[in-house]
Amino acid sequence: MAKARRQKPTKPRRDKKGGPGSGRRKPCLFCKDKIDHVDYKDVTTLRRFTSERGKIRSRRITGLCRRHQSQVANAVKRARELALVPYAAEPANEGVGRGGRRDRDRDRD
């Protein structure tokens, strides 16, 4: 006869709902709307794929496919060249933070 197995104490399995690393990817907006080519003149669409600082967002965040992500990157770069989209956003508060002068003249007295 075969040996009887000892049963391990069962742990409740983790639910796979949401949270970090959930398996479901966002659908590509351009593939969903069946758009072949990203237009560099469509500034409102391009702003969705750049951060408030002016950086191009990654595929992981935008949910675009590889083909359309590279088209968006090229369109943003072209729009920057033609001054349709800024290279970088203006800083919120100048002089505060790193490397500010902070009244150097006052220290000399």
N, C-alpha and C. Protein backbone atom coordinates (compact mmCIF):
# COMPACT_ATOMS: atom_id res chain seq x y z
N MET A 1 0.81 -1.18 0.00
CA MET A 1 0.00 0.00 0.00
C MET A 1 0.86 1.25 0.00
N ALA A 2 0.28 2.29 -0.55
CA ALA A 2 0.99 3.57 -0.62
C ALA A 2 0.84 4.32 0.70
N LYS A 3 1.88 5.12 0.99
CA LYS A 3 1.84 5.92 2.20
C LYS A 3 0.82 7.04 2.07
N ALA A 4 0.19 7.34 3.14
CA ALA A 4 -0.76 8.46 3.14
C ALA A 4 0.04 9.77 3.23
N ARG A 5 -0.31 10.72 2.38
CA ARG A 5 0.39 12.01 2.38
C ARG A 5 -0.07 12.88 3.52
N ARG A 6 0.89 13.62 4.04
CA ARG A 6 0.52 14.61 5.05
C ARG A 6 0.05 15.86 4.34
N GLN A 7 -1.06 16.36 4.76
CA GLN A 7 -1.57 17.57 4.12
C GLN A 7 -0.93 18.79 4.76
N LYS A 8 -0.47 19.68 3.88
CA LYS A 8 0.12 20.94 4.34
C LYS A 8 -1.02 21.88 4.73
N PRO A 9 -0.75 22.74 5.70
CA PRO A 9 -1.79 23.73 6.02
C PRO A 9 -1.99 24.64 4.81
N THR A 10 -3.22 24.79 4.40
CA THR A 10 -3.50 25.57 3.20
C THR A 10 -3.54 27.06 3.52
N LYS A 11 -2.85 27.83 2.67
CA LYS A 11 -2.85 29.28 2.79
C LYS A 11 -3.86 29.81 1.78
N PRO A 12 -4.53 30.88 2.13
CA PRO A 12 -5.43 31.46 1.13
C PRO A 12 -4.60 32.06 -0.01
N ARG A 13 -4.99 31.76 -1.24
CA ARG A 13 -4.24 32.26 -2.39
C ARG A 13 -4.52 33.74 -2.58
N ARG A 14 -3.48 34.42 -3.10
CA ARG A 14 -3.65 35.84 -3.36
C ARG A 14 -4.55 36.04 -4.57
N ASP A 15 -5.46 36.97 -4.44
CA ASP A 15 -6.32 37.28 -5.57
C ASP A 15 -5.52 38.05 -6.61
N LYS A 16 -5.79 37.77 -7.87
CA LYS A 16 -5.07 38.43 -8.95
C LYS A 16 -5.80 39.67 -9.45
N LYS A 17 -6.57 40.31 -8.60
CA LYS A 17 -7.34 41.48 -9.01
C LYS A 17 -6.53 42.75 -8.79
N GLY A 18 -6.31 43.50 -9.87
CA GLY A 18 -5.68 44.82 -9.77
C GLY A 18 -4.33 44.81 -9.09
N GLY A 19 -4.02 45.89 -8.47
CA GLY A 19 -2.76 46.01 -7.75
C GLY A 19 -1.59 46.16 -8.68
N PRO A 20 -0.40 46.30 -8.11
CA PRO A 20 0.79 46.45 -8.94
C PRO A 20 1.07 45.17 -9.71
N GLY A 21 1.35 45.32 -10.97
CA GLY A 21 1.68 44.15 -11.79
C GLY A 21 0.48 43.35 -12.23
N SER A 22 -0.69 43.98 -12.29
CA SER A 22 -1.83 43.22 -12.76
C SER A 22 -1.61 42.88 -14.23
N GLY A 23 -2.07 41.73 -14.64
CA GLY A 23 -1.75 41.19 -15.95
C GLY A 23 -2.36 41.92 -17.13
N ARG A 24 -3.39 42.68 -16.94
CA ARG A 24 -4.09 43.29 -18.06
C ARG A 24 -3.39 44.57 -18.52
N ARG A 25 -3.07 44.65 -19.82
CA ARG A 25 -2.47 45.85 -20.39
C ARG A 25 -3.55 46.75 -20.96
N LYS A 26 -3.25 48.05 -21.00
CA LYS A 26 -4.18 48.99 -21.62
C LYS A 26 -4.13 48.76 -23.13
N PRO A 27 -5.26 48.86 -23.80
CA PRO A 27 -5.22 48.73 -25.26
C PRO A 27 -4.61 49.98 -25.89
N CYS A 28 -3.91 49.80 -27.00
CA CYS A 28 -3.31 50.93 -27.70
C CYS A 28 -4.42 51.79 -28.28
N LEU A 29 -4.40 53.09 -27.95
CA LEU A 29 -5.43 54.01 -28.42
C LEU A 29 -5.49 54.08 -29.94
N PHE A 30 -4.33 54.10 -30.57
CA PHE A 30 -4.28 54.25 -32.02
C PHE A 30 -4.72 52.97 -32.73
N CYS A 31 -4.36 51.82 -32.18
CA CYS A 31 -4.81 50.55 -32.77
C CYS A 31 -6.31 50.39 -32.59
N LYS A 32 -6.83 50.81 -31.43
CA LYS A 32 -8.25 50.69 -31.15
C LYS A 32 -9.08 51.54 -32.12
N ASP A 33 -8.58 52.75 -32.41
CA ASP A 33 -9.28 53.64 -33.35
C ASP A 33 -8.87 53.42 -34.79
N LYS A 34 -8.00 52.43 -35.02
CA LYS A 34 -7.50 52.08 -36.36
C LYS A 34 -6.85 53.27 -37.06
N ILE A 35 -5.98 53.96 -36.30
CA ILE A 35 -5.21 55.08 -36.85
C ILE A 35 -3.86 54.54 -37.26
N ASP A 36 -3.51 54.76 -38.54
CA ASP A 36 -2.25 54.23 -39.06
C ASP A 36 -1.04 55.03 -38.63
N HIS A 37 -1.15 56.36 -38.74
CA HIS A 37 0.02 57.21 -38.51
C HIS A 37 -0.32 58.31 -37.52
N VAL A 38 0.60 58.61 -36.61
CA VAL A 38 0.42 59.66 -35.61
C VAL A 38 0.80 60.99 -36.23
N ASP A 39 -0.09 61.98 -36.11
CA ASP A 39 0.13 63.28 -36.73
C ASP A 39 0.84 64.21 -35.75
N TYR A 40 1.94 64.82 -36.18
CA TYR A 40 2.71 65.70 -35.30
C TYR A 40 2.01 67.04 -35.07
N LYS A 41 1.02 67.38 -35.93
CA LYS A 41 0.30 68.65 -35.79
C LYS A 41 -0.84 68.56 -34.78
N ASP A 42 -1.19 67.36 -34.36
CA ASP A 42 -2.27 67.16 -33.40
C ASP A 42 -1.71 67.32 -31.99
N VAL A 43 -1.62 68.57 -31.54
CA VAL A 43 -0.93 68.89 -30.29
C VAL A 43 -1.69 68.34 -29.08
N THR A 44 -3.01 68.36 -29.12
CA THR A 44 -3.78 67.88 -27.96
C THR A 44 -3.54 66.40 -27.72
N THR A 45 -3.42 65.63 -28.79
CA THR A 45 -3.14 64.20 -28.63
C THR A 45 -1.72 63.99 -28.11
N LEU A 46 -0.78 64.77 -28.63
CA LEU A 46 0.62 64.61 -28.21
C LEU A 46 0.82 64.99 -26.75
N ARG A 47 0.04 65.96 -26.26
CA ARG A 47 0.17 66.37 -24.85
C ARG A 47 -0.22 65.25 -23.90
N ARG A 48 -1.09 64.33 -24.36
CA ARG A 48 -1.48 63.21 -23.51
C ARG A 48 -0.32 62.26 -23.25
N PHE A 49 0.66 62.26 -24.16
CA PHE A 49 1.78 61.33 -24.07
C PHE A 49 3.05 61.99 -23.56
N THR A 50 2.94 63.21 -23.05
CA THR A 50 4.09 63.87 -22.42
C THR A 50 3.72 64.23 -20.99
N SER A 51 4.70 64.24 -20.14
CA SER A 51 4.46 64.59 -18.74
C SER A 51 4.32 66.10 -18.60
N GLU A 52 4.00 66.55 -17.38
CA GLU A 52 3.88 67.99 -17.16
C GLU A 52 5.23 68.68 -17.28
N ARG A 53 6.31 67.94 -17.13
CA ARG A 53 7.65 68.50 -17.31
C ARG A 53 8.08 68.52 -18.77
N GLY A 54 7.31 67.85 -19.65
CA GLY A 54 7.63 67.84 -21.07
C GLY A 54 8.32 66.59 -21.54
N LYS A 55 8.50 65.60 -20.66
CA LYS A 55 9.15 64.35 -21.04
C LYS A 55 8.16 63.42 -21.72
N ILE A 56 8.65 62.62 -22.65
CA ILE A 56 7.80 61.64 -23.32
C ILE A 56 7.58 60.48 -22.37
N ARG A 57 6.32 60.11 -22.16
CA ARG A 57 5.99 59.02 -21.25
C ARG A 57 6.30 57.67 -21.88
N SER A 58 6.56 56.68 -21.05
CA SER A 58 6.94 55.35 -21.53
C SER A 58 5.73 54.54 -21.96
N ARG A 59 5.98 53.45 -22.65
CA ARG A 59 4.92 52.55 -23.11
C ARG A 59 4.14 51.96 -21.96
N ARG A 60 4.83 51.69 -20.89
CA ARG A 60 4.19 51.09 -19.72
C ARG A 60 3.10 52.01 -19.17
N ILE A 61 3.32 53.31 -19.24
CA ILE A 61 2.36 54.27 -18.72
C ILE A 61 1.29 54.62 -19.75
N THR A 62 1.71 54.83 -21.01
CA THR A 62 0.75 55.25 -22.03
C THR A 62 -0.12 54.10 -22.52
N GLY A 63 0.41 52.88 -22.50
CA GLY A 63 -0.36 51.73 -22.97
C GLY A 63 -0.34 51.57 -24.48
N LEU A 64 0.57 52.26 -25.15
CA LEU A 64 0.67 52.15 -26.61
C LEU A 64 1.45 50.92 -27.01
N CYS A 65 1.22 50.46 -28.25
CA CYS A 65 2.01 49.36 -28.77
C CYS A 65 3.39 49.90 -29.20
N ARG A 66 4.29 49.02 -29.52
CA ARG A 66 5.66 49.42 -29.84
C ARG A 66 5.70 50.35 -31.06
N ARG A 67 4.93 50.00 -32.08
CA ARG A 67 4.92 50.78 -33.32
C ARG A 67 4.42 52.21 -33.09
N HIS A 68 3.30 52.33 -32.39
CA HIS A 68 2.73 53.66 -32.18
C HIS A 68 3.51 54.46 -31.15
N GLN A 69 4.15 53.81 -30.20
CA GLN A 69 4.98 54.53 -29.23
C GLN A 69 6.15 55.21 -29.93
N SER A 70 6.78 54.52 -30.88
CA SER A 70 7.89 55.14 -31.59
C SER A 70 7.38 56.26 -32.50
N GLN A 71 6.19 56.10 -33.08
CA GLN A 71 5.61 57.17 -33.89
C GLN A 71 5.28 58.39 -33.04
N VAL A 72 4.77 58.16 -31.83
CA VAL A 72 4.47 59.27 -30.92
C VAL A 72 5.76 59.99 -30.54
N ALA A 73 6.81 59.23 -30.24
CA ALA A 73 8.09 59.84 -29.86
C ALA A 73 8.62 60.71 -31.00
N ASN A 74 8.56 60.20 -32.23
CA ASN A 74 9.04 60.98 -33.37
C ASN A 74 8.15 62.20 -33.62
N ALA A 75 6.84 62.05 -33.43
CA ALA A 75 5.92 63.17 -33.62
C ALA A 75 6.16 64.26 -32.58
N VAL A 76 6.41 63.86 -31.33
CA VAL A 76 6.69 64.85 -30.27
C VAL A 76 8.00 65.58 -30.58
N LYS A 77 9.00 64.85 -31.04
CA LYS A 77 10.28 65.48 -31.36
C LYS A 77 10.12 66.46 -32.53
N ARG A 78 9.34 66.08 -33.53
CA ARG A 78 9.11 66.96 -34.67
C ARG A 78 8.30 68.20 -34.25
N ALA A 79 7.30 67.99 -33.39
CA ALA A 79 6.49 69.11 -32.92
C ALA A 79 7.32 70.06 -32.06
N ARG A 80 8.29 69.53 -31.33
CA ARG A 80 9.19 70.38 -30.55
C ARG A 80 10.04 71.25 -31.47
N GLU A 81 10.54 70.64 -32.54
CA GLU A 81 11.36 71.39 -33.51
C GLU A 81 10.59 72.55 -34.11
N LEU A 82 9.29 72.34 -34.37
CA LEU A 82 8.47 73.37 -34.99
C LEU A 82 7.79 74.27 -33.96
N ALA A 83 8.18 74.14 -32.69
CA ALA A 83 7.68 74.95 -31.58
C ALA A 83 6.18 74.80 -31.37
N LEU A 84 5.63 73.63 -31.68
CA LEU A 84 4.23 73.36 -31.38
C LEU A 84 4.07 72.86 -29.95
N VAL A 85 5.11 72.17 -29.47
CA VAL A 85 5.13 71.61 -28.11
C VAL A 85 6.44 72.08 -27.46
N PRO A 86 6.41 72.51 -26.20
CA PRO A 86 7.66 72.97 -25.56
C PRO A 86 8.61 71.81 -25.27
N TYR A 87 9.90 72.12 -25.29
CA TYR A 87 10.89 71.10 -24.92
C TYR A 87 10.77 70.73 -23.45
N ALA A 88 10.61 71.73 -22.62
CA ALA A 88 10.45 71.49 -21.18
C ALA A 88 9.51 72.54 -20.62
N ALA A 89 8.76 72.15 -19.62
CA ALA A 89 7.84 73.09 -18.99
C ALA A 89 8.64 74.05 -18.12
N GLU A 90 8.09 75.23 -17.92
CA GLU A 90 8.77 76.21 -17.08
C GLU A 90 8.68 75.77 -15.63
N PRO A 91 9.76 75.97 -14.85
CA PRO A 91 9.71 75.58 -13.45
C PRO A 91 8.67 76.38 -12.68
N ALA A 92 8.06 75.74 -11.70
CA ALA A 92 6.98 76.37 -10.94
C ALA A 92 7.49 77.54 -10.10
N ASN A 93 8.62 77.34 -9.41
CA ASN A 93 9.15 78.42 -8.57
C ASN A 93 10.66 78.51 -8.78
N GLU A 94 11.10 79.63 -9.32
CA GLU A 94 12.51 79.81 -9.60
C GLU A 94 13.26 80.26 -8.36
N GLY A 95 14.53 79.88 -8.27
CA GLY A 95 15.37 80.35 -7.18
C GLY A 95 15.28 79.51 -5.93
N VAL A 96 14.24 78.77 -5.75
CA VAL A 96 14.09 77.95 -4.55
C VAL A 96 14.58 76.55 -4.89
N GLY A 97 15.31 75.96 -3.98
CA GLY A 97 15.77 74.59 -4.22
C GLY A 97 17.26 74.54 -4.43
N ARG A 98 17.67 73.70 -5.35
CA ARG A 98 19.09 73.46 -5.56
C ARG A 98 19.81 74.66 -6.16
N GLY A 99 20.97 74.96 -5.64
CA GLY A 99 21.89 75.91 -6.25
C GLY A 99 21.41 77.34 -6.35
N GLY A 100 20.42 77.74 -5.59
CA GLY A 100 19.98 79.13 -5.60
C GLY A 100 21.03 80.02 -4.95
N ARG A 101 21.02 81.31 -5.26
CA ARG A 101 22.04 82.20 -4.70
C ARG A 101 21.82 82.48 -3.23
N ARG A 102 20.62 82.60 -2.79
CA ARG A 102 20.25 82.75 -1.37
C ARG A 102 21.06 83.81 -0.63
N ASP A 103 21.06 85.00 -1.08
CA ASP A 103 21.66 86.14 -0.38
C ASP A 103 23.13 85.92 -0.01
N ARG A 104 23.96 85.67 -1.01
CA ARG A 104 25.38 85.50 -0.75
C ARG A 104 26.02 86.79 -0.25
N ASP A 105 25.52 87.91 -0.75
CA ASP A 105 26.11 89.20 -0.37
C ASP A 105 25.96 89.46 1.12
N ARG A 106 24.89 88.97 1.72
CA ARG A 106 24.67 89.17 3.14
C ARG A 106 25.74 88.47 3.97
N ASP A 107 26.27 87.34 3.49
CA ASP A 107 27.28 86.59 4.23
C ASP A 107 28.64 87.29 4.23
N ARG A 108 28.89 88.17 3.26
CA ARG A 108 30.19 88.81 3.14
C ARG A 108 30.43 89.88 4.20
N ASP A 109 29.38 90.45 4.75
CA ASP A 109 29.55 91.54 5.73
C ASP A 109 30.18 91.11 7.00
